Amino acid sequence: MVNSRAKGIIKKNQHFLQLTKIIYNLIFQPKKNIKGKENKIKNNGAWAKNIKVKIIGNNNEIIFKSNSNLKDFKIYINGNNNRIIIHENSFIENGEFFIEDDGNVIIINSNSTICFGFHFACIEGTIIEIGEDCLFSSNVTIRTGDSHSIVNMDGERINRSNNVSIGNHVWIGNDCTILKGSIIKDNTIVGTRSLVSKKFSETGLIITGVPAKRIKSGVNWDKQRIPY
């Protein structure tokens, strides 16, 4: 394991850093089980370790961008023309990305942290997008659909899948679930064990409960414990 002091030394020499990343990623290449054509996994300078990828389908793409620290998670894709993009300087560990059907997109923007136990499920051509500088505590679930059908008395399906959008600098507490169609704006705090199932149009909120409701507005948050 590269300790923090060694990382500091390495970062001062960019050529050495790039060489170290190449060696590291050769040692810890994702374990791949791929059935299909034109599927691509691109590591553009991330630190990636113990990642398992299973793809059934064609023309799917997974992109890890520079300086992200990625470890101990699974990616499952069953379909065509799907994309997962993890942007720069993100930290993601111990969970799973699950995609079924065609044309889905999962985007994790830069400087975001997603802790262990996450489950992001994207189906039926939908999008999960997480903004910059977000913090997800453990066991957060995001789902763009219900996986099974709900039908009316005529047998017509009525539970359409829908996108999930999470803004910049959002803090989501332990054991939260974010369901299809949810929108969470910038600088929002989602309380522990909340169930978000609707659109919130304001920034700077505290939302909590089952289902989640606004309990306070005009707030922000900081990763540091600021003295009173």
C-alpha atoms as a PDB file:
ATOM      1  CA  MET A   1       0.000   0.000   0.000  1.00  0.00           C
ATOM      2  CA  VAL A   2       1.253   3.466  -0.870  1.00  0.00           C
ATOM      3  CA  ASN A   3       1.137   5.546   2.323  1.00  0.00           C
ATOM      4  CA  SER A   4       0.248   9.233   2.450  1.00  0.00           C
ATOM      5  CA  ARG A   5       3.847  10.411   2.763  1.00  0.00           C
ATOM      6  CA  ALA A   6       4.925   8.418  -0.268  1.00  0.00           C
ATOM      7  CA  LYS A   7       1.975   9.758  -2.264  1.00  0.00           C
ATOM      8  CA  GLY A   8       3.057  13.298  -1.413  1.00  0.00           C
ATOM      9  CA  ILE A   9       6.556  12.641  -2.729  1.00  0.00           C
ATOM     10  CA  ILE A  10       5.244  10.959  -5.858  1.00  0.00           C
ATOM     11  CA  LYS A  11       2.920  13.858  -6.690  1.00  0.00           C
ATOM     12  CA  LYS A  12       5.903  16.237  -6.858  1.00  0.00           C
ATOM     13  CA  ASN A  13       7.264  14.299  -9.804  1.00  0.00           C
ATOM     14  CA  GLN A  14       4.577  13.953 -12.457  1.00  0.00           C
ATOM     15  CA  HIS A  15       6.603  11.603 -14.656  1.00  0.00           C
ATOM     16  CA  PHE A  16       7.177   9.270 -11.735  1.00  0.00           C
ATOM     17  CA  LEU A  17       3.504   9.565 -10.833  1.00  0.00           C
ATOM     18  CA  GLN A  18       2.393   8.503 -14.305  1.00  0.00           C
ATOM     19  CA  LEU A  19       4.809   5.574 -14.313  1.00  0.00           C
ATOM     20  CA  THR A  20       3.605   4.514 -10.864  1.00  0.00           C
ATOM     21  CA  LYS A  21      -0.014   4.592 -12.033  1.00  0.00           C
ATOM     22  CA  ILE A  22       0.804   2.470 -15.071  1.00  0.00           C
ATOM     23  CA  ILE A  23       2.526  -0.171 -12.940  1.00  0.00           C
ATOM     24  CA  TYR A  24      -0.212  -0.057 -10.285  1.00  0.00           C
ATOM     25  CA  ASN A  25      -2.981  -0.510 -12.841  1.00  0.00           C
ATOM     26  CA  LEU A  26      -1.133  -3.316 -14.597  1.00  0.00           C
ATOM     27  CA  ILE A  27      -0.987  -5.155 -11.278  1.00  0.00           C
ATOM     28  CA  PHE A  28      -4.583  -4.389 -10.314  1.00  0.00           C
ATOM     29  CA  GLN A  29      -6.374  -4.620 -13.653  1.00  0.00           C
ATOM     30  CA  PRO A  30     -10.158  -5.069 -13.419  1.00  0.00           C
ATOM     31  CA  LYS A  31     -11.342  -8.665 -13.471  1.00  0.00           C
ATOM     32  CA  LYS A  32     -13.386  -8.808 -16.665  1.00  0.00           C
ATOM     33  CA  ASN A  33     -16.099 -11.148 -17.877  1.00  0.00           C
ATOM     34  CA  ILE A  34     -17.246  -9.660 -21.184  1.00  0.00           C
ATOM     35  CA  LYS A  35     -19.575 -11.162 -23.787  1.00  0.00           C
ATOM     36  CA  GLY A  36     -20.200  -8.943 -26.794  1.00  0.00           C
ATOM     37  CA  LYS A  37     -18.505  -6.587 -29.221  1.00  0.00           C
ATOM     38  CA  GLU A  38     -17.007  -3.085 -29.049  1.00  0.00           C
ATOM     39  CA  ASN A  39     -17.082  -2.901 -25.265  1.00  0.00           C
ATOM     40  CA  LYS A  40     -14.441  -0.563 -23.813  1.00  0.00           C
ATOM     41  CA  ILE A  41     -12.914   0.013 -20.387  1.00  0.00           C
ATOM     42  CA  LYS A  42     -10.721   3.132 -20.319  1.00  0.00           C
ATOM     43  CA  ASN A  43      -8.549   4.014 -17.349  1.00  0.00           C
ATOM     44  CA  ASN A  44      -7.296   7.549 -17.945  1.00  0.00           C
ATOM     45  CA  GLY A  45      -5.049   7.792 -14.895  1.00  0.00           C
ATOM     46  CA  ALA A  46      -7.187   6.565 -11.986  1.00  0.00           C
ATOM     47  CA  TRP A  47      -5.958   4.355  -9.157  1.00  0.00           C
ATOM     48  CA  ALA A  48      -8.187   1.290  -9.593  1.00  0.00           C
ATOM     49  CA  LYS A  49      -8.017  -1.869  -7.470  1.00  0.00           C
ATOM     50  CA  ASN A  50     -10.184  -4.985  -7.056  1.00  0.00           C
ATOM     51  CA  ILE A  51     -12.838  -3.954  -9.570  1.00  0.00           C
ATOM     52  CA  LYS A  52     -14.947  -6.678 -11.184  1.00  0.00           C
ATOM     53  CA  VAL A  53     -16.670  -5.994 -14.502  1.00  0.00           C
ATOM     54  CA  LYS A  54     -19.296  -8.185 -16.139  1.00  0.00           C
ATOM     55  CA  ILE A  55     -20.751  -7.078 -19.472  1.00  0.00           C
ATOM     56  CA  ILE A  56     -23.305  -8.834 -21.658  1.00  0.00           C
ATOM     57  CA  GLY A  57     -23.964  -6.726 -24.747  1.00  0.00           C
ATOM     58  CA  ASN A  58     -22.355  -4.463 -27.300  1.00  0.00           C
ATOM     59  CA  ASN A  59     -20.846  -0.979 -27.496  1.00  0.00           C
ATOM     60  CA  ASN A  60     -20.736  -0.312 -23.768  1.00  0.00           C
ATOM     61  CA  GLU A  61     -18.136   2.038 -22.312  1.00  0.00           C
ATOM     62  CA  ILE A  62     -16.633   2.497 -18.843  1.00  0.00           C
ATOM     63  CA  ILE A  63     -14.328   5.473 -18.250  1.00  0.00           C
ATOM     64  CA  PHE A  64     -12.218   6.168 -15.136  1.00  0.00           C
ATOM     65  CA  LYS A  65     -10.635   9.628 -15.187  1.00  0.00           C
ATOM     66  CA  SER A  66      -7.424  10.863 -13.615  1.00  0.00           C
ATOM     67  CA  ASN A  67      -6.510  10.726  -9.929  1.00  0.00           C
ATOM     68  CA  SER A  68      -9.671   8.950  -8.829  1.00  0.00           C
ATOM     69  CA  ASN A  69      -9.234   6.315  -6.121  1.00  0.00           C
ATOM     70  CA  LEU A  70     -11.478   3.373  -7.001  1.00  0.00           C
ATOM     71  CA  LYS A  71     -11.538   0.041  -5.202  1.00  0.00           C
ATOM     72  CA  ASP A  72     -13.519  -3.047  -4.294  1.00  0.00           C
ATOM     73  CA  PHE A  73     -16.653  -2.576  -6.375  1.00  0.00           C
ATOM     74  CA  LYS A  74     -18.563  -4.404  -9.098  1.00  0.00           C
ATOM     75  CA  ILE A  75     -19.930  -3.228 -12.433  1.00  0.00           C
ATOM     76  CA  TYR A  76     -22.677  -5.259 -14.095  1.00  0.00           C
ATOM     77  CA  ILE A  77     -24.025  -4.275 -17.522  1.00  0.00           C
ATOM     78  CA  ASN A  78     -26.604  -6.277 -19.470  1.00  0.00           C
ATOM     79  CA  GLY A  79     -27.510  -4.327 -22.600  1.00  0.00           C
ATOM     80  CA  ASN A  80     -26.117  -2.152 -25.359  1.00  0.00           C
ATOM     81  CA  ASN A  81     -24.794   1.416 -25.687  1.00  0.00           C
ATOM     82  CA  ASN A  82     -24.491   2.063 -21.957  1.00  0.00           C
ATOM     83  CA  ARG A  83     -21.915   4.334 -20.311  1.00  0.00           C
ATOM     84  CA  ILE A  84     -20.374   4.767 -16.877  1.00  0.00           C
ATOM     85  CA  ILE A  85     -18.133   7.808 -16.406  1.00  0.00           C
ATOM     86  CA  ILE A  86     -16.249   8.523 -13.176  1.00  0.00           C
ATOM     87  CA  HIS A  87     -14.597  11.934 -13.297  1.00  0.00           C
ATOM     88  CA  GLU A  88     -11.387  13.223 -11.744  1.00  0.00           C
ATOM     89  CA  ASN A  89     -10.391  13.035  -8.071  1.00  0.00           C
ATOM     90  CA  SER A  90     -13.320  10.901  -6.954  1.00  0.00           C
ATOM     91  CA  PHE A  91     -13.176   8.261  -4.222  1.00  0.00           C
ATOM     92  CA  ILE A  92     -15.455   5.228  -4.597  1.00  0.00           C
ATOM     93  CA  GLU A  93     -15.299   1.964  -2.653  1.00  0.00           C
ATOM     94  CA  ASN A  94     -17.121  -1.288  -2.038  1.00  0.00           C
ATOM     95  CA  GLY A  95     -20.469  -1.363  -3.821  1.00  0.00           C
ATOM     96  CA  GLU A  96     -21.978  -1.950  -7.231  1.00  0.00           C
ATOM     97  CA  PHE A  97     -23.113  -0.293 -10.423  1.00  0.00           C
ATOM     98  CA  PHE A  98     -25.983  -2.229 -12.014  1.00  0.00           C
ATOM     99  CA  ILE A  99     -27.240  -1.493 -15.536  1.00  0.00           C
ATOM    100  CA  GLU A 100     -29.892  -3.331 -17.554  1.00  0.00           C
ATOM    101  CA  ASP A 101     -31.363  -2.539 -20.995  1.00  0.00           C
ATOM    102  CA  ASP A 102     -29.979  -0.074 -23.550  1.00  0.00           C
ATOM    103  CA  GLY A 103     -28.786   3.522 -23.530  1.00  0.00           C
ATOM    104  CA  ASN A 104     -28.313   4.100 -19.800  1.00  0.00           C
ATOM    105  CA  VAL A 105     -25.764   6.549 -18.390  1.00  0.00           C
ATOM    106  CA  ILE A 106     -24.206   6.841 -14.932  1.00  0.00           C
ATOM    107  CA  ILE A 107     -22.042   9.924 -14.342  1.00  0.00           C
ATOM    108  CA  ILE A 108     -20.058  10.644 -11.170  1.00  0.00           C
ATOM    109  CA  ASN A 109     -18.607  14.142 -11.423  1.00  0.00           C
ATOM    110  CA  SER A 110     -15.273  15.243  -9.985  1.00  0.00           C
ATOM    111  CA  ASN A 111     -14.178  15.338  -6.335  1.00  0.00           C
ATOM    112  CA  SER A 112     -17.047  13.180  -5.093  1.00  0.00           C
ATOM    113  CA  THR A 113     -16.804  10.540  -2.353  1.00  0.00           C
ATOM    114  CA  ILE A 114     -19.012   7.439  -2.319  1.00  0.00           C
ATOM    115  CA  CYS A 115     -18.512   5.155   0.668  1.00  0.00           C
ATOM    116  CA  PHE A 116     -19.017   1.428   1.075  1.00  0.00           C
ATOM    117  CA  GLY A 117     -22.232  -0.411   0.401  1.00  0.00           C
ATOM    118  CA  PHE A 118     -23.530   1.757  -2.451  1.00  0.00           C
ATOM    119  CA  HIS A 119     -25.936   0.313  -5.041  1.00  0.00           C
ATOM    120  CA  PHE A 120     -26.677   2.369  -8.174  1.00  0.00           C
ATOM    121  CA  ALA A 121     -29.196   0.721 -10.526  1.00  0.00           C
ATOM    122  CA  CYS A 122     -30.014   2.238 -13.909  1.00  0.00           C
ATOM    123  CA  ILE A 123     -32.526   0.668 -16.335  1.00  0.00           C
ATOM    124  CA  GLU A 124     -34.559   1.393 -19.474  1.00  0.00           C
ATOM    125  CA  GLY A 125     -32.450   4.163 -20.985  1.00  0.00           C
ATOM    126  CA  THR A 126     -32.275   6.425 -17.936  1.00  0.00           C
ATOM    127  CA  ILE A 127     -29.563   8.591 -16.377  1.00  0.00           C
ATOM    128  CA  ILE A 128     -28.062   8.837 -12.919  1.00  0.00           C
ATOM    129  CA  GLU A 129     -25.941  11.964 -12.569  1.00  0.00           C
ATOM    130  CA  ILE A 130     -24.114  12.929  -9.391  1.00  0.00           C
ATOM    131  CA  GLY A 131     -22.601  16.405  -9.224  1.00  0.00           C
ATOM    132  CA  GLU A 132     -19.197  17.629  -8.102  1.00  0.00           C
ATOM    133  CA  ASP A 133     -17.893  17.471  -4.533  1.00  0.00           C
ATOM    134  CA  CYS A 134     -20.657  15.219  -3.208  1.00  0.00           C
ATOM    135  CA  LEU A 135     -20.342  13.040  -0.111  1.00  0.00           C
ATOM    136  CA  PHE A 136     -22.290   9.789   0.121  1.00  0.00           C
ATOM    137  CA  SER A 137     -22.151   7.978   3.450  1.00  0.00           C
ATOM    138  CA  SER A 138     -22.418   4.191   3.623  1.00  0.00           C
ATOM    139  CA  ASN A 139     -25.207   2.085   2.107  1.00  0.00           C
ATOM    140  CA  VAL A 140     -26.752   4.612  -0.274  1.00  0.00           C
ATOM    141  CA  THR A 141     -29.058   3.187  -2.953  1.00  0.00           C
ATOM    142  CA  ILE A 142     -30.086   4.979  -6.158  1.00  0.00           C
ATOM    143  CA  ARG A 143     -32.655   3.388  -8.489  1.00  0.00           C
ATOM    144  CA  THR A 144     -34.114   4.795 -11.704  1.00  0.00           C
ATOM    145  CA  GLY A 145     -36.807   2.107 -11.947  1.00  0.00           C
ATOM    146  CA  ASP A 146     -38.709  -0.575 -10.083  1.00  0.00           C
ATOM    147  CA  SER A 147     -37.265  -3.626 -11.896  1.00  0.00           C
ATOM    148  CA  HIS A 148     -40.752  -5.168 -12.169  1.00  0.00           C
ATOM    149  CA  SER A 149     -44.029  -3.992 -13.699  1.00  0.00           C
ATOM    150  CA  ILE A 150     -47.004  -2.358 -12.024  1.00  0.00           C
ATOM    151  CA  VAL A 151     -50.080  -2.538 -14.249  1.00  0.00           C
ATOM    152  CA  ASN A 152     -53.576  -1.076 -14.251  1.00  0.00           C
ATOM    153  CA  MET A 153     -56.764  -3.106 -14.521  1.00  0.00           C
ATOM    154  CA  ASP A 154     -56.327  -3.288 -18.310  1.00  0.00           C
ATOM    155  CA  GLY A 155     -52.876  -4.836 -17.932  1.00  0.00           C
ATOM    156  CA  GLU A 156     -51.071  -1.670 -19.087  1.00  0.00           C
ATOM    157  CA  ARG A 157     -47.853  -0.861 -17.341  1.00  0.00           C
ATOM    158  CA  ILE A 158     -47.955   2.379 -15.342  1.00  0.00           C
ATOM    159  CA  ASN A 159     -44.580   2.550 -13.542  1.00  0.00           C
ATOM    160  CA  ARG A 160     -42.283   4.322 -15.977  1.00  0.00           C
ATOM    161  CA  SER A 161     -38.567   4.545 -15.145  1.00  0.00           C
ATOM    162  CA  ASN A 162     -37.077   8.029 -14.771  1.00  0.00           C
ATOM    163  CA  ASN A 163     -33.759   9.835 -14.320  1.00  0.00           C
ATOM    164  CA  VAL A 164     -32.153  10.754 -10.998  1.00  0.00           C
ATOM    165  CA  SER A 165     -30.250  14.041 -10.721  1.00  0.00           C
ATOM    166  CA  ILE A 166     -28.120  15.030  -7.728  1.00  0.00           C
ATOM    167  CA  GLY A 167     -26.513  18.472  -7.739  1.00  0.00           C
ATOM    168  CA  ASN A 168     -23.114  19.712  -6.623  1.00  0.00           C
ATOM    169  CA  HIS A 169     -21.934  19.525  -3.009  1.00  0.00           C
ATOM    170  CA  VAL A 170     -24.711  17.246  -1.750  1.00  0.00           C
ATOM    171  CA  TRP A 171     -24.269  15.248   1.460  1.00  0.00           C
ATOM    172  CA  ILE A 172     -26.303  12.043   1.723  1.00  0.00           C
ATOM    173  CA  GLY A 173     -26.405  10.243   5.079  1.00  0.00           C
ATOM    174  CA  ASN A 174     -26.175   6.541   5.879  1.00  0.00           C
ATOM    175  CA  ASP A 175     -28.758   4.076   4.565  1.00  0.00           C
ATOM    176  CA  CYS A 176     -30.595   6.490   2.261  1.00  0.00           C
ATOM    177  CA  THR A 177     -32.559   5.454  -0.819  1.00  0.00           C
ATOM    178  CA  ILE A 178     -33.040   7.749  -3.822  1.00  0.00           C
ATOM    179  CA  LEU A 179     -35.809   6.624  -6.176  1.00  0.00           C
ATOM    180  CA  LYS A 180     -36.686   7.280  -9.828  1.00  0.00           C
ATOM    181  CA  GLY A 181     -37.520  10.846 -10.816  1.00  0.00           C
ATOM    182  CA  SER A 182     -35.795  12.388  -7.800  1.00  0.00           C
ATOM    183  CA  ILE A 183     -33.983  15.706  -8.116  1.00  0.00           C
ATOM    184  CA  ILE A 184     -31.758  17.003  -5.316  1.00  0.00           C
ATOM    185  CA  LYS A 185     -30.257  20.456  -5.788  1.00  0.00           C
ATOM    186  CA  ASP A 186     -26.855  21.894  -4.797  1.00  0.00           C
ATOM    187  CA  ASN A 187     -25.731  22.126  -1.148  1.00  0.00           C
ATOM    188  CA  THR A 188     -28.500  19.847   0.124  1.00  0.00           C
ATOM    189  CA  ILE A 189     -28.191  17.537   3.145  1.00  0.00           C
ATOM    190  CA  VAL A 190     -30.190  14.291   3.157  1.00  0.00           C
ATOM    191  CA  GLY A 191     -30.720  12.851   6.642  1.00  0.00           C
ATOM    192  CA  THR A 192     -29.840   9.296   7.626  1.00  0.00           C
ATOM    193  CA  ARG A 193     -32.244   6.547   6.454  1.00  0.00           C
ATOM    194  CA  SER A 194     -34.307   8.922   4.330  1.00  0.00           C
ATOM    195  CA  LEU A 195     -36.299   7.868   1.268  1.00  0.00           C
ATOM    196  CA  VAL A 196     -36.203  10.484  -1.490  1.00  0.00           C
ATOM    197  CA  SER A 197     -38.919   9.998  -4.109  1.00  0.00           C
ATOM    198  CA  LYS A 198     -39.646  13.433  -5.602  1.00  0.00           C
ATOM    199  CA  LYS A 199     -38.144  16.620  -7.019  1.00  0.00           C
ATOM    200  CA  PHE A 200     -36.789  19.311  -4.694  1.00  0.00           C
ATOM    201  CA  SER A 201     -36.438  22.616  -6.541  1.00  0.00           C
ATOM    202  CA  GLU A 202     -34.495  24.639  -3.933  1.00  0.00           C
ATOM    203  CA  THR A 203     -30.791  24.619  -3.091  1.00  0.00           C
ATOM    204  CA  GLY A 204     -29.392  24.555   0.425  1.00  0.00           C
ATOM    205  CA  LEU A 205     -31.989  22.309   2.069  1.00  0.00           C
ATOM    206  CA  ILE A 206     -32.048  19.724   4.815  1.00  0.00           C
ATOM    207  CA  ILE A 207     -34.434  16.959   3.789  1.00  0.00           C
ATOM    208  CA  THR A 208     -35.201  13.902   5.854  1.00  0.00           C
ATOM    209  CA  GLY A 209     -37.799  11.237   6.538  1.00  0.00           C
ATOM    210  CA  VAL A 210     -39.805   8.524   4.769  1.00  0.00           C
ATOM    211  CA  PRO A 211     -40.702   9.993   2.380  1.00  0.00           C
ATOM    212  CA  ALA A 212     -38.167  12.830   2.627  1.00  0.00           C
ATOM    213  CA  LYS A 213     -39.525  16.303   3.325  1.00  0.00           C
ATOM    214  CA  ARG A 214     -37.910  19.699   3.635  1.00  0.00           C
ATOM    215  CA  ILE A 215     -37.232  20.539   7.276  1.00  0.00           C
ATOM    216  CA  LYS A 216     -34.829  23.469   6.891  1.00  0.00           C
ATOM    217  CA  SER A 217     -33.670  25.834   4.130  1.00  0.00           C
ATOM    218  CA  GLY A 218     -30.855  28.335   3.680  1.00  0.00           C
ATOM    219  CA  VAL A 219     -28.091  25.980   4.840  1.00  0.00           C
ATOM    220  CA  ASN A 220     -24.816  24.565   3.558  1.00  0.00           C
ATOM    221  CA  TRP A 221     -22.289  22.072   4.913  1.00  0.00           C
ATOM    222  CA  ASP A 222     -18.547  21.455   5.216  1.00  0.00           C
ATOM    223  CA  LYS A 223     -16.530  18.246   5.421  1.00  0.00           C
ATOM    224  CA  GLN A 224     -14.525  19.722   8.285  1.00  0.00           C
ATOM    225  CA  ARG A 225     -15.907  19.906  11.831  1.00  0.00           C
ATOM    226  CA  ILE A 226     -15.714  23.660  12.253  1.00  0.00           C
ATOM    227  CA  PRO A 227     -15.295  24.830  15.887  1.00  0.00           C
ATOM    228  CA  TYR A 228     -18.304  26.585  17.406  1.00  0.00           C
END
